[in-house]
Amino acid sequence: MCHVILAVGFSFVCLMHSVSCVMALDQDQPININGSLFIEPGVGKSFRALAFPNATRTFKLRGNQTGNLFTLIEGKILIGEGPKLHLHHNEDETFRIISGQVQFIIGNETFCAPAGSVVYGKRGIQMSFRNVDSPDAYVQFFFSPSGIENYFDEILTKTPYRGQPVDIWSCGIILTTILTGSTLIIKSVYFILFLLELPWIQPSYQTPEYKR
């Protein structure tokens, strides 16, 4: 009998933990857990970044959530995307390559960082990064201390984010297919797809090279 009670009790505890996990995952905002935060995949404010068409990032943690210790941003780096050489005066920038490969320039050194790499960029040193040819490059950016979000908020105010844009490179592929398609049907289908993507192609805009 005692074994039965223990088994029932254990099952109840497991069920409660399962329910708690399901409830915790059904959120669209960071979850406060005794002063700490749990952020689901997909949760965070998206914004346009850099003077590059369709470049987007997502705030995962801002300074007002970390005691101004750091800001965490992540996003996909499109092929050909990357900022000009720049430097930060107020914060260090650390990159964690989640997937793909990204080329870096730090000082006078150029190197490629594959998935799993971590790159630490010290403030006061010129740096840049670029996705040369990796279709799935995804990077997390740690800025310490926080404050860089004020710069991006200014960009967001000037050029509001209007939803997930279409990768401009896909439009180039479609246009190429239109020109080289072997049949009229293929050309017609891809031309229709191109027309559907046109409203989402966002032109590039000029932002000053930031020197924080």
N, C-alpha and C. Protein backbone atom coordinates (compact mmCIF):
# COMPACT_ATOMS: atom_id res chain seq x y z
N MET A 1 0.84 -1.20 0.00
CA MET A 1 0.00 0.00 0.00
C MET A 1 0.88 1.26 0.00
N CYS A 2 1.92 1.16 0.79
CA CYS A 2 2.84 2.30 0.87
C CYS A 2 3.47 2.59 -0.48
N HIS A 3 3.79 1.51 -1.21
CA HIS A 3 4.39 1.70 -2.54
C HIS A 3 3.41 2.37 -3.49
N VAL A 4 2.15 2.03 -3.37
CA VAL A 4 1.12 2.62 -4.23
C VAL A 4 0.99 4.11 -3.96
N ILE A 5 0.99 4.49 -2.68
CA ILE A 5 0.88 5.90 -2.29
C ILE A 5 2.07 6.69 -2.83
N LEU A 6 3.27 6.10 -2.67
CA LEU A 6 4.46 6.79 -3.17
C LEU A 6 4.42 6.96 -4.68
N ALA A 7 3.95 5.93 -5.37
CA ALA A 7 3.88 6.00 -6.83
C ALA A 7 2.90 7.07 -7.28
N VAL A 8 1.74 7.14 -6.59
CA VAL A 8 0.73 8.14 -6.93
C VAL A 8 1.27 9.54 -6.65
N GLY A 9 1.94 9.68 -5.51
CA GLY A 9 2.50 10.98 -5.16
C GLY A 9 3.56 11.42 -6.15
N PHE A 10 4.42 10.49 -6.55
CA PHE A 10 5.46 10.81 -7.53
C PHE A 10 4.84 11.22 -8.87
N SER A 11 3.81 10.51 -9.28
CA SER A 11 3.13 10.83 -10.54
C SER A 11 2.49 12.21 -10.49
N PHE A 12 1.92 12.56 -9.32
CA PHE A 12 1.30 13.87 -9.16
C PHE A 12 2.32 14.98 -9.26
N VAL A 13 3.49 14.77 -8.62
CA VAL A 13 4.55 15.77 -8.68
C VAL A 13 5.04 15.94 -10.11
N CYS A 14 5.23 14.82 -10.84
CA CYS A 14 5.68 14.90 -12.24
C CYS A 14 4.65 15.62 -13.09
N LEU A 15 3.35 15.36 -12.82
CA LEU A 15 2.30 16.02 -13.57
C LEU A 15 2.31 17.51 -13.32
N MET A 16 2.51 17.92 -12.07
CA MET A 16 2.54 19.34 -11.73
C MET A 16 3.71 20.03 -12.42
N HIS A 17 4.87 19.35 -12.45
CA HIS A 17 6.03 19.93 -13.12
C HIS A 17 5.76 20.06 -14.62
N SER A 18 5.11 19.07 -15.21
CA SER A 18 4.80 19.12 -16.64
C SER A 18 3.84 20.26 -16.94
N VAL A 19 2.83 20.43 -16.10
CA VAL A 19 1.86 21.51 -16.29
C VAL A 19 2.55 22.86 -16.17
N SER A 20 3.46 22.97 -15.17
CA SER A 20 4.17 24.23 -14.97
C SER A 20 4.99 24.59 -16.20
N CYS A 21 5.64 23.58 -16.80
CA CYS A 21 6.46 23.84 -17.98
C CYS A 21 5.59 24.29 -19.15
N VAL A 22 4.47 23.64 -19.32
CA VAL A 22 3.56 24.02 -20.40
C VAL A 22 3.06 25.43 -20.21
N MET A 23 2.72 25.79 -18.99
CA MET A 23 2.23 27.14 -18.70
C MET A 23 3.33 28.17 -18.92
N ALA A 24 4.57 27.81 -18.51
CA ALA A 24 5.67 28.76 -18.64
C ALA A 24 6.00 29.02 -20.10
N LEU A 25 5.85 28.00 -20.94
CA LEU A 25 6.21 28.16 -22.33
C LEU A 25 5.15 28.89 -23.14
N ASP A 26 3.96 29.07 -22.57
CA ASP A 26 2.87 29.73 -23.28
C ASP A 26 2.87 31.22 -22.93
N GLN A 27 3.95 31.91 -23.31
CA GLN A 27 4.11 33.31 -22.95
C GLN A 27 4.63 34.09 -24.15
N ASP A 28 4.34 35.41 -24.18
CA ASP A 28 4.92 36.26 -25.22
C ASP A 28 5.75 37.37 -24.62
N GLN A 29 6.02 37.30 -23.32
CA GLN A 29 6.86 38.26 -22.62
C GLN A 29 7.84 37.51 -21.73
N PRO A 30 8.98 38.12 -21.39
CA PRO A 30 9.89 37.47 -20.45
C PRO A 30 9.17 37.14 -19.14
N ILE A 31 9.50 36.01 -18.56
CA ILE A 31 8.86 35.56 -17.33
C ILE A 31 9.78 35.84 -16.16
N ASN A 32 9.28 36.58 -15.18
CA ASN A 32 10.06 36.90 -13.99
C ASN A 32 9.99 35.74 -13.01
N ILE A 33 11.15 35.18 -12.69
CA ILE A 33 11.21 34.05 -11.76
C ILE A 33 12.12 34.46 -10.60
N ASN A 34 11.50 34.96 -9.53
CA ASN A 34 12.25 35.39 -8.34
C ASN A 34 13.37 36.37 -8.69
N GLY A 35 13.04 37.34 -9.56
CA GLY A 35 14.02 38.35 -9.92
C GLY A 35 14.87 37.99 -11.13
N SER A 36 14.84 36.73 -11.52
CA SER A 36 15.53 36.30 -12.74
C SER A 36 14.52 36.27 -13.89
N LEU A 37 15.01 36.08 -15.10
CA LEU A 37 14.12 36.12 -16.26
C LEU A 37 14.29 34.88 -17.13
N PHE A 38 13.16 34.42 -17.65
CA PHE A 38 13.14 33.32 -18.62
C PHE A 38 12.56 33.88 -19.92
N ILE A 39 13.34 33.81 -21.00
CA ILE A 39 12.90 34.35 -22.29
C ILE A 39 12.79 33.21 -23.29
N GLU A 40 11.60 33.00 -23.81
CA GLU A 40 11.37 31.96 -24.80
C GLU A 40 11.99 32.31 -26.15
N PRO A 41 12.24 31.31 -26.99
CA PRO A 41 12.59 31.61 -28.38
C PRO A 41 11.48 32.40 -29.05
N GLY A 42 11.84 33.41 -29.80
CA GLY A 42 10.83 34.22 -30.48
C GLY A 42 10.32 35.40 -29.69
N VAL A 43 10.65 35.47 -28.40
CA VAL A 43 10.20 36.58 -27.57
C VAL A 43 11.24 37.69 -27.63
N GLY A 44 10.79 38.91 -27.85
CA GLY A 44 11.69 40.06 -27.91
C GLY A 44 11.26 41.04 -28.98
N LYS A 45 11.68 42.28 -28.82
CA LYS A 45 11.32 43.34 -29.75
C LYS A 45 12.28 43.34 -30.94
N SER A 46 11.73 43.20 -32.15
CA SER A 46 12.55 43.20 -33.36
C SER A 46 12.71 44.61 -33.90
N PHE A 47 13.84 44.87 -34.53
CA PHE A 47 14.11 46.20 -35.06
C PHE A 47 15.08 46.09 -36.22
N ARG A 48 15.12 47.11 -37.04
CA ARG A 48 16.08 47.17 -38.13
C ARG A 48 17.40 47.72 -37.61
N ALA A 49 18.48 47.18 -38.15
CA ALA A 49 19.80 47.61 -37.70
C ALA A 49 20.75 47.71 -38.88
N LEU A 50 21.71 48.62 -38.78
CA LEU A 50 22.74 48.81 -39.78
C LEU A 50 22.18 49.46 -41.05
N ALA A 51 23.09 50.06 -41.79
CA ALA A 51 22.70 50.65 -43.07
C ALA A 51 22.74 49.58 -44.15
N PHE A 52 21.83 48.60 -44.02
CA PHE A 52 21.81 47.46 -44.93
C PHE A 52 20.37 47.02 -45.13
N PRO A 53 19.96 46.74 -46.37
CA PRO A 53 18.57 46.35 -46.62
C PRO A 53 18.18 45.12 -45.82
N ASN A 54 17.04 45.20 -45.15
CA ASN A 54 16.42 44.05 -44.49
C ASN A 54 17.17 43.51 -43.27
N ALA A 55 18.18 44.22 -42.77
CA ALA A 55 18.90 43.75 -41.59
C ALA A 55 18.02 43.93 -40.36
N THR A 56 17.76 42.85 -39.65
CA THR A 56 16.91 42.92 -38.46
C THR A 56 17.60 42.23 -37.28
N ARG A 57 17.27 42.69 -36.08
CA ARG A 57 17.76 42.10 -34.84
C ARG A 57 16.60 42.02 -33.85
N THR A 58 16.83 41.27 -32.77
CA THR A 58 15.82 41.15 -31.72
C THR A 58 16.46 41.39 -30.37
N PHE A 59 15.87 42.30 -29.59
CA PHE A 59 16.32 42.50 -28.21
C PHE A 59 15.86 41.30 -27.38
N LYS A 60 16.80 40.61 -26.74
CA LYS A 60 16.45 39.53 -25.81
C LYS A 60 16.50 40.02 -24.37
N LEU A 61 17.49 40.85 -24.06
CA LEU A 61 17.59 41.47 -22.73
C LEU A 61 18.10 42.88 -22.88
N ARG A 62 17.44 43.82 -22.22
CA ARG A 62 17.86 45.22 -22.25
C ARG A 62 18.48 45.58 -20.90
N GLY A 63 19.12 46.74 -20.86
CA GLY A 63 19.79 47.17 -19.64
C GLY A 63 18.88 47.30 -18.44
N ASN A 64 17.64 47.74 -18.66
CA ASN A 64 16.72 47.88 -17.53
C ASN A 64 16.26 46.54 -16.98
N GLN A 65 16.66 45.43 -17.65
CA GLN A 65 16.33 44.10 -17.16
C GLN A 65 17.53 43.40 -16.53
N THR A 66 18.73 43.97 -16.73
CA THR A 66 19.96 43.33 -16.24
C THR A 66 20.72 44.21 -15.26
N GLY A 67 20.06 45.23 -14.73
CA GLY A 67 20.77 46.15 -13.84
C GLY A 67 21.83 46.94 -14.57
N ASN A 68 21.62 47.15 -15.87
CA ASN A 68 22.56 47.88 -16.73
C ASN A 68 23.91 47.19 -16.89
N LEU A 69 23.96 45.90 -16.57
CA LEU A 69 25.21 45.16 -16.72
C LEU A 69 25.51 44.83 -18.17
N PHE A 70 24.47 44.45 -18.92
CA PHE A 70 24.71 44.09 -20.32
C PHE A 70 23.39 44.15 -21.09
N THR A 71 23.52 44.16 -22.43
CA THR A 71 22.39 44.07 -23.35
C THR A 71 22.64 42.88 -24.25
N LEU A 72 21.60 42.08 -24.46
CA LEU A 72 21.71 40.89 -25.31
C LEU A 72 20.79 41.04 -26.53
N ILE A 73 21.39 40.93 -27.71
CA ILE A 73 20.67 41.05 -28.98
C ILE A 73 21.02 39.83 -29.82
N GLU A 74 20.10 39.38 -30.67
CA GLU A 74 20.42 38.29 -31.57
C GLU A 74 19.75 38.50 -32.92
N GLY A 75 20.21 37.79 -33.93
CA GLY A 75 19.58 37.92 -35.23
C GLY A 75 20.33 37.18 -36.32
N LYS A 76 19.65 37.00 -37.44
CA LYS A 76 20.24 36.37 -38.61
C LYS A 76 21.07 37.41 -39.36
N ILE A 77 22.25 37.00 -39.81
CA ILE A 77 23.11 37.87 -40.59
C ILE A 77 22.99 37.43 -42.05
N LEU A 78 22.41 38.28 -42.89
CA LEU A 78 22.19 37.93 -44.28
C LEU A 78 23.51 37.91 -45.06
N ILE A 79 23.53 37.19 -46.15
CA ILE A 79 24.72 37.13 -46.98
C ILE A 79 25.05 38.54 -47.50
N GLY A 80 26.27 38.94 -47.31
CA GLY A 80 26.70 40.27 -47.72
C GLY A 80 26.51 41.33 -46.66
N GLU A 81 25.83 40.99 -45.57
CA GLU A 81 25.54 41.98 -44.54
C GLU A 81 26.72 42.18 -43.60
N GLY A 82 26.88 43.40 -43.14
CA GLY A 82 27.90 43.71 -42.15
C GLY A 82 28.13 45.20 -42.06
N PRO A 83 28.49 45.70 -40.88
CA PRO A 83 28.73 47.13 -40.71
C PRO A 83 30.11 47.52 -41.22
N LYS A 84 30.30 48.81 -41.42
CA LYS A 84 31.64 49.31 -41.74
C LYS A 84 32.51 49.22 -40.49
N LEU A 85 33.80 49.41 -40.69
CA LEU A 85 34.68 49.46 -39.53
C LEU A 85 34.20 50.54 -38.57
N HIS A 86 34.07 50.20 -37.31
CA HIS A 86 33.58 51.15 -36.32
C HIS A 86 34.18 50.78 -34.97
N LEU A 87 33.96 51.61 -33.99
CA LEU A 87 34.43 51.30 -32.65
C LEU A 87 33.41 51.76 -31.62
N HIS A 88 33.49 51.15 -30.46
CA HIS A 88 32.63 51.52 -29.33
C HIS A 88 33.51 52.15 -28.25
N HIS A 89 33.05 53.28 -27.74
CA HIS A 89 33.78 53.94 -26.67
C HIS A 89 33.28 53.51 -25.29
N ASN A 90 32.02 53.12 -25.21
CA ASN A 90 31.40 52.90 -23.90
C ASN A 90 31.17 51.45 -23.53
N GLU A 91 31.24 50.51 -24.50
CA GLU A 91 30.93 49.13 -24.17
C GLU A 91 31.79 48.18 -24.98
N ASP A 92 32.04 47.01 -24.40
CA ASP A 92 32.66 45.90 -25.12
C ASP A 92 31.55 45.13 -25.85
N GLU A 93 31.92 44.47 -26.95
CA GLU A 93 30.93 43.70 -27.71
C GLU A 93 31.45 42.27 -27.89
N THR A 94 30.65 41.32 -27.46
CA THR A 94 31.00 39.91 -27.60
C THR A 94 30.01 39.23 -28.54
N PHE A 95 30.54 38.47 -29.48
CA PHE A 95 29.72 37.78 -30.47
C PHE A 95 29.76 36.28 -30.20
N ARG A 96 28.60 35.65 -30.23
CA ARG A 96 28.53 34.18 -30.14
C ARG A 96 27.88 33.68 -31.43
N ILE A 97 28.62 32.91 -32.22
CA ILE A 97 28.11 32.43 -33.50
C ILE A 97 27.28 31.18 -33.24
N ILE A 98 25.98 31.30 -33.40
CA ILE A 98 25.07 30.18 -33.15
C ILE A 98 25.09 29.20 -34.31
N SER A 99 25.05 29.72 -35.54
CA SER A 99 25.10 28.87 -36.72
C SER A 99 25.75 29.63 -37.87
N GLY A 100 26.20 28.89 -38.87
CA GLY A 100 26.84 29.53 -40.01
C GLY A 100 28.27 29.95 -39.71
N GLN A 101 28.77 30.86 -40.51
CA GLN A 101 30.13 31.37 -40.36
C GLN A 101 30.15 32.86 -40.67
N VAL A 102 30.90 33.63 -39.88
CA VAL A 102 30.96 35.08 -40.02
C VAL A 102 32.42 35.52 -40.08
N GLN A 103 32.70 36.44 -40.99
CA GLN A 103 34.06 36.99 -41.10
C GLN A 103 34.18 38.22 -40.20
N PHE A 104 35.29 38.33 -39.49
CA PHE A 104 35.53 39.46 -38.59
C PHE A 104 36.79 40.21 -38.98
N ILE A 105 36.76 41.51 -38.74
CA ILE A 105 37.96 42.34 -38.80
C ILE A 105 38.07 43.04 -37.45
N ILE A 106 39.14 42.78 -36.73
CA ILE A 106 39.38 43.44 -35.44
C ILE A 106 40.79 44.01 -35.49
N GLY A 107 40.86 45.32 -35.43
CA GLY A 107 42.16 45.97 -35.62
C GLY A 107 42.64 45.73 -37.04
N ASN A 108 43.82 45.14 -37.18
CA ASN A 108 44.34 44.84 -38.52
C ASN A 108 44.31 43.34 -38.82
N GLU A 109 43.52 42.59 -38.06
CA GLU A 109 43.41 41.15 -38.25
C GLU A 109 42.06 40.79 -38.85
N THR A 110 42.06 39.89 -39.85
CA THR A 110 40.85 39.38 -40.47
C THR A 110 40.81 37.87 -40.31
N PHE A 111 39.65 37.36 -39.86
CA PHE A 111 39.53 35.91 -39.64
C PHE A 111 38.06 35.51 -39.75
N CYS A 112 37.81 34.22 -39.90
CA CYS A 112 36.45 33.68 -39.99
C CYS A 112 36.12 32.90 -38.73
N ALA A 113 34.92 33.10 -38.21
CA ALA A 113 34.48 32.43 -36.99
C ALA A 113 33.33 31.49 -37.33
N PRO A 114 33.51 30.16 -37.19
CA PRO A 114 32.44 29.21 -37.49
C PRO A 114 31.47 29.08 -36.32
N ALA A 115 30.42 28.30 -36.53
CA ALA A 115 29.42 28.07 -35.48
C ALA A 115 30.08 27.53 -34.22
N GLY A 116 29.66 28.05 -33.07
CA GLY A 116 30.24 27.66 -31.79
C GLY A 116 31.33 28.59 -31.31
N SER A 117 31.78 29.49 -32.18
CA SER A 117 32.86 30.43 -31.81
C SER A 117 32.32 31.57 -30.96
N VAL A 118 33.22 32.15 -30.19
CA VAL A 118 32.94 33.37 -29.43
C VAL A 118 34.03 34.37 -29.76
N VAL A 119 33.63 35.59 -30.09
CA VAL A 119 34.58 36.65 -30.43
C VAL A 119 34.35 37.82 -29.48
N TYR A 120 35.39 38.24 -28.80
CA TYR A 120 35.30 39.36 -27.86
C TYR A 120 35.94 40.59 -28.49
N GLY A 121 35.13 41.64 -28.65
CA GLY A 121 35.63 42.89 -29.20
C GLY A 121 35.74 43.95 -28.11
N LYS A 122 36.97 44.34 -27.80
CA LYS A 122 37.19 45.30 -26.73
C LYS A 122 36.87 46.71 -27.21
N ARG A 123 36.28 47.50 -26.33
CA ARG A 123 35.96 48.89 -26.68
C ARG A 123 37.24 49.65 -27.06
N GLY A 124 37.06 50.62 -27.95
CA GLY A 124 38.19 51.43 -28.35
C GLY A 124 38.99 50.87 -29.52
N ILE A 125 38.64 49.66 -29.99
CA ILE A 125 39.35 49.04 -31.10
C ILE A 125 38.40 48.93 -32.29
N GLN A 126 38.85 49.33 -33.47
CA GLN A 126 38.00 49.25 -34.65
C GLN A 126 37.70 47.80 -34.99
N MET A 127 36.44 47.56 -35.36
CA MET A 127 36.04 46.19 -35.69
C MET A 127 34.93 46.23 -36.72
N SER A 128 34.72 45.07 -37.31
CA SER A 128 33.63 44.90 -38.26
C SER A 128 33.37 43.41 -38.42
N PHE A 129 32.20 43.07 -38.94
CA PHE A 129 31.91 41.67 -39.25
C PHE A 129 31.09 41.63 -40.54
N ARG A 130 31.11 40.47 -41.20
CA ARG A 130 30.39 40.33 -42.47
C ARG A 130 30.11 38.87 -42.74
N ASN A 131 28.91 38.61 -43.23
CA ASN A 131 28.58 37.27 -43.70
C ASN A 131 28.96 37.19 -45.18
N VAL A 132 29.99 36.43 -45.47
CA VAL A 132 30.50 36.36 -46.85
C VAL A 132 29.60 35.48 -47.72
N ASP A 133 29.33 34.25 -47.25
CA ASP A 133 28.56 33.33 -48.11
C ASP A 133 27.79 32.28 -47.32
N SER A 134 27.51 32.54 -46.05
CA SER A 134 26.84 31.54 -45.21
C SER A 134 25.33 31.81 -45.17
N PRO A 135 24.51 30.89 -45.68
CA PRO A 135 23.07 31.15 -45.76
C PRO A 135 22.32 31.07 -44.43
N ASP A 136 22.96 30.52 -43.39
CA ASP A 136 22.25 30.33 -42.12
C ASP A 136 22.99 30.96 -40.95
N ALA A 137 23.69 32.06 -41.18
CA ALA A 137 24.46 32.71 -40.11
C ALA A 137 23.52 33.34 -39.10
N TYR A 138 23.68 32.97 -37.83
CA TYR A 138 22.85 33.51 -36.74
C TYR A 138 23.77 33.82 -35.57
N VAL A 139 23.66 35.04 -35.03
CA VAL A 139 24.62 35.52 -34.05
C VAL A 139 23.92 36.14 -32.84
N GLN A 140 24.49 35.92 -31.67
CA GLN A 140 24.08 36.65 -30.46
C GLN A 140 25.14 37.70 -30.16
N PHE A 141 24.67 38.90 -29.76
CA PHE A 141 25.55 40.04 -29.47
C PHE A 141 25.38 40.42 -28.00
N PHE A 142 26.48 40.40 -27.25
CA PHE A 142 26.47 40.84 -25.85
C PHE A 142 27.21 42.17 -25.76
N PHE A 143 26.52 43.20 -25.32
CA PHE A 143 27.13 44.51 -25.11
C PHE A 143 27.23 44.76 -23.61
N SER A 144 28.44 45.06 -23.13
CA SER A 144 28.65 45.27 -21.70
C SER A 144 29.53 46.50 -21.47
N PRO A 145 29.05 47.46 -20.64
CA PRO A 145 27.73 47.48 -20.02
C PRO A 145 26.64 47.80 -21.03
N SER A 146 25.41 47.89 -20.57
CA SER A 146 24.29 48.18 -21.46
C SER A 146 24.31 49.64 -21.90
N GLY A 147 23.42 49.99 -22.79
CA GLY A 147 23.33 51.37 -23.28
C GLY A 147 23.23 51.44 -24.79
N ILE A 148 23.71 50.40 -25.48
CA ILE A 148 23.66 50.40 -26.93
C ILE A 148 22.22 50.43 -27.44
N GLU A 149 21.28 49.97 -26.61
CA GLU A 149 19.88 49.97 -27.03
C GLU A 149 19.36 51.38 -27.30
N ASN A 150 19.96 52.38 -26.65
CA ASN A 150 19.53 53.76 -26.90
C ASN A 150 19.84 54.16 -28.33
N TYR A 151 20.97 53.68 -28.83
CA TYR A 151 21.34 53.96 -30.22
C TYR A 151 20.37 53.29 -31.18
N PHE A 152 20.07 52.02 -30.91
CA PHE A 152 19.15 51.29 -31.79
C PHE A 152 17.72 51.82 -31.67
N ASP A 153 17.34 52.28 -30.49
CA ASP A 153 16.01 52.87 -30.32
C ASP A 153 15.87 54.11 -31.20
N GLU A 154 16.96 54.85 -31.35
CA GLU A 154 16.94 56.04 -32.21
C GLU A 154 16.72 55.63 -33.66
N ILE A 155 17.40 54.56 -34.08
CA ILE A 155 17.20 54.04 -35.44
C ILE A 155 15.77 53.59 -35.62
N LEU A 156 15.24 52.90 -34.61
CA LEU A 156 13.88 52.38 -34.68
C LEU A 156 12.87 53.50 -34.81
N THR A 157 13.14 54.63 -34.14
CA THR A 157 12.24 55.78 -34.22
C THR A 157 12.25 56.37 -35.63
N LYS A 158 13.44 56.40 -36.25
CA LYS A 158 13.54 56.98 -37.60
C LYS A 158 13.01 56.05 -38.67
N THR A 159 13.23 54.74 -38.49
CA THR A 159 12.80 53.76 -39.50
C THR A 159 12.07 52.62 -38.80
N PRO A 160 10.78 52.79 -38.49
CA PRO A 160 10.03 51.78 -37.74
C PRO A 160 10.06 50.42 -38.43
N TYR A 161 10.11 49.37 -37.59
CA TYR A 161 10.10 48.00 -38.11
C TYR A 161 8.69 47.65 -38.54
N ARG A 162 8.53 47.11 -39.76
CA ARG A 162 7.20 46.86 -40.30
C ARG A 162 6.98 45.38 -40.60
N GLY A 163 7.49 44.53 -39.75
CA GLY A 163 7.32 43.11 -39.97
C GLY A 163 8.55 42.48 -40.60
N GLN A 164 8.57 41.16 -40.64
CA GLN A 164 9.72 40.45 -41.16
C GLN A 164 9.85 40.66 -42.66
N PRO A 165 10.93 41.30 -43.13
CA PRO A 165 11.09 41.55 -44.56
C PRO A 165 11.60 40.33 -45.29
N VAL A 166 11.48 40.37 -46.58
CA VAL A 166 11.98 39.30 -47.42
C VAL A 166 13.47 39.53 -47.69
N ASP A 167 14.25 38.48 -47.64
CA ASP A 167 15.67 38.58 -47.95
C ASP A 167 15.82 39.08 -49.37
N ILE A 168 16.49 40.22 -49.54
CA ILE A 168 16.61 40.83 -50.87
C ILE A 168 17.36 39.92 -51.84
N TRP A 169 18.19 39.02 -51.31
CA TRP A 169 18.94 38.11 -52.18
C TRP A 169 18.01 37.13 -52.87
N SER A 170 16.91 36.74 -52.20
CA SER A 170 15.97 35.82 -52.83
C SER A 170 15.34 36.47 -54.05
N CYS A 171 15.13 37.79 -53.99
CA CYS A 171 14.56 38.50 -55.14
C CYS A 171 15.51 38.45 -56.33
N GLY A 172 16.82 38.54 -56.04
CA GLY A 172 17.79 38.44 -57.12
C GLY A 172 17.77 37.07 -57.77
N ILE A 173 17.61 36.04 -56.94
CA ILE A 173 17.55 34.68 -57.47
C ILE A 173 16.32 34.51 -58.37
N ILE A 174 15.19 35.07 -57.91
CA ILE A 174 13.96 34.96 -58.70
C ILE A 174 14.11 35.68 -60.03
N LEU A 175 14.71 36.89 -60.00
CA LEU A 175 14.92 37.62 -61.24
C LEU A 175 15.82 36.85 -62.21
N THR A 176 16.85 36.23 -61.66
CA THR A 176 17.75 35.44 -62.50
C THR A 176 17.00 34.28 -63.15
N THR A 177 16.14 33.66 -62.33
CA THR A 177 15.35 32.54 -62.85
C THR A 177 14.40 33.01 -63.95
N ILE A 178 13.84 34.21 -63.77
CA ILE A 178 12.95 34.75 -64.79
C ILE A 178 13.68 34.89 -66.12
N LEU A 179 14.94 35.35 -66.03
CA LEU A 179 15.70 35.61 -67.25
C LEU A 179 16.21 34.33 -67.90
N THR A 180 16.40 33.27 -67.08
CA THR A 180 17.01 32.06 -67.62
C THR A 180 16.05 30.88 -67.69
N GLY A 181 14.80 31.07 -67.25
CA GLY A 181 13.83 29.97 -67.26
C GLY A 181 13.65 29.40 -68.66
N SER A 182 13.44 28.08 -68.71
CA SER A 182 13.38 27.43 -70.02
C SER A 182 11.99 27.46 -70.64
N THR A 183 10.95 27.66 -69.84
CA THR A 183 9.59 27.66 -70.38
C THR A 183 8.84 28.91 -69.94
N LEU A 184 7.81 29.23 -70.69
CA LEU A 184 6.99 30.39 -70.37
C LEU A 184 6.27 30.22 -69.04
N ILE A 185 5.85 29.00 -68.72
CA ILE A 185 5.14 28.75 -67.46
C ILE A 185 6.05 29.03 -66.27
N ILE A 186 7.30 28.53 -66.35
CA ILE A 186 8.25 28.76 -65.25
C ILE A 186 8.50 30.24 -65.07
N LYS A 187 8.70 30.95 -66.18
CA LYS A 187 8.95 32.39 -66.10
C LYS A 187 7.75 33.10 -65.48
N SER A 188 6.54 32.70 -65.85
CA SER A 188 5.33 33.35 -65.35
C SER A 188 5.17 33.14 -63.85
N VAL A 189 5.42 31.91 -63.39
CA VAL A 189 5.28 31.59 -61.96
C VAL A 189 6.25 32.41 -61.13
N TYR A 190 7.51 32.45 -61.54
CA TYR A 190 8.51 33.19 -60.77
C TYR A 190 8.31 34.69 -60.85
N PHE A 191 7.76 35.16 -61.96
CA PHE A 191 7.48 36.58 -62.07
C PHE A 191 6.38 36.99 -61.10
N ILE A 192 5.36 36.13 -60.94
CA ILE A 192 4.28 36.40 -59.98
C ILE A 192 4.84 36.41 -58.56
N LEU A 193 5.73 35.45 -58.25
CA LEU A 193 6.35 35.42 -56.92
C LEU A 193 7.15 36.68 -56.65
N PHE A 194 7.86 37.14 -57.67
CA PHE A 194 8.64 38.37 -57.53
C PHE A 194 7.74 39.56 -57.24
N LEU A 195 6.60 39.66 -57.93
CA LEU A 195 5.67 40.76 -57.71
C LEU A 195 5.11 40.72 -56.29
N LEU A 196 4.88 39.51 -55.77
CA LEU A 196 4.35 39.38 -54.41
C LEU A 196 5.37 39.83 -53.37
N GLU A 197 6.66 39.70 -53.68
CA GLU A 197 7.70 40.07 -52.73
C GLU A 197 8.04 41.56 -52.77
N LEU A 198 7.70 42.24 -53.85
CA LEU A 198 8.08 43.64 -54.01
C LEU A 198 7.68 44.52 -52.83
N PRO A 199 6.44 44.40 -52.28
CA PRO A 199 6.06 45.30 -51.18
C PRO A 199 6.91 45.13 -49.93
N TRP A 200 7.62 43.98 -49.81
CA TRP A 200 8.39 43.72 -48.60
C TRP A 200 9.86 44.06 -48.73
N ILE A 201 10.28 44.44 -49.93
CA ILE A 201 11.69 44.81 -50.10
C ILE A 201 11.87 46.22 -49.58
N GLN A 202 12.63 46.36 -48.52
CA GLN A 202 12.82 47.66 -47.91
C GLN A 202 14.12 48.28 -48.40
N PRO A 203 14.09 49.50 -48.86
CA PRO A 203 15.32 50.13 -49.34
C PRO A 203 16.29 50.39 -48.20
N SER A 204 17.55 50.46 -48.55
CA SER A 204 18.55 50.76 -47.53
C SER A 204 18.41 52.21 -47.10
N TYR A 205 18.93 52.51 -45.95
CA TYR A 205 18.88 53.88 -45.45
C TYR A 205 20.24 54.21 -44.85
N GLN A 206 20.51 55.47 -44.71
CA GLN A 206 21.82 55.90 -44.23
C GLN A 206 21.77 56.18 -42.74
N THR A 207 22.66 55.57 -42.02
CA THR A 207 22.80 55.85 -40.59
C THR A 207 24.25 56.20 -40.34
N PRO A 208 24.52 57.11 -39.44
CA PRO A 208 25.92 57.47 -39.18
C PRO A 208 26.68 56.30 -38.58
N GLU A 209 27.94 56.21 -38.95
CA GLU A 209 28.79 55.17 -38.37
C GLU A 209 28.89 55.44 -36.87
N TYR A 210 28.40 54.48 -36.07
CA TYR A 210 28.32 54.79 -34.65
C TYR A 210 29.67 54.60 -33.96
N LYS A 211 29.99 55.59 -33.15
CA LYS A 211 31.23 55.58 -32.40
C LYS A 211 30.88 55.91 -30.95
N ARG A 212 30.42 54.87 -30.26
CA ARG A 212 29.99 55.04 -28.88
C ARG A 212 31.17 54.91 -27.93
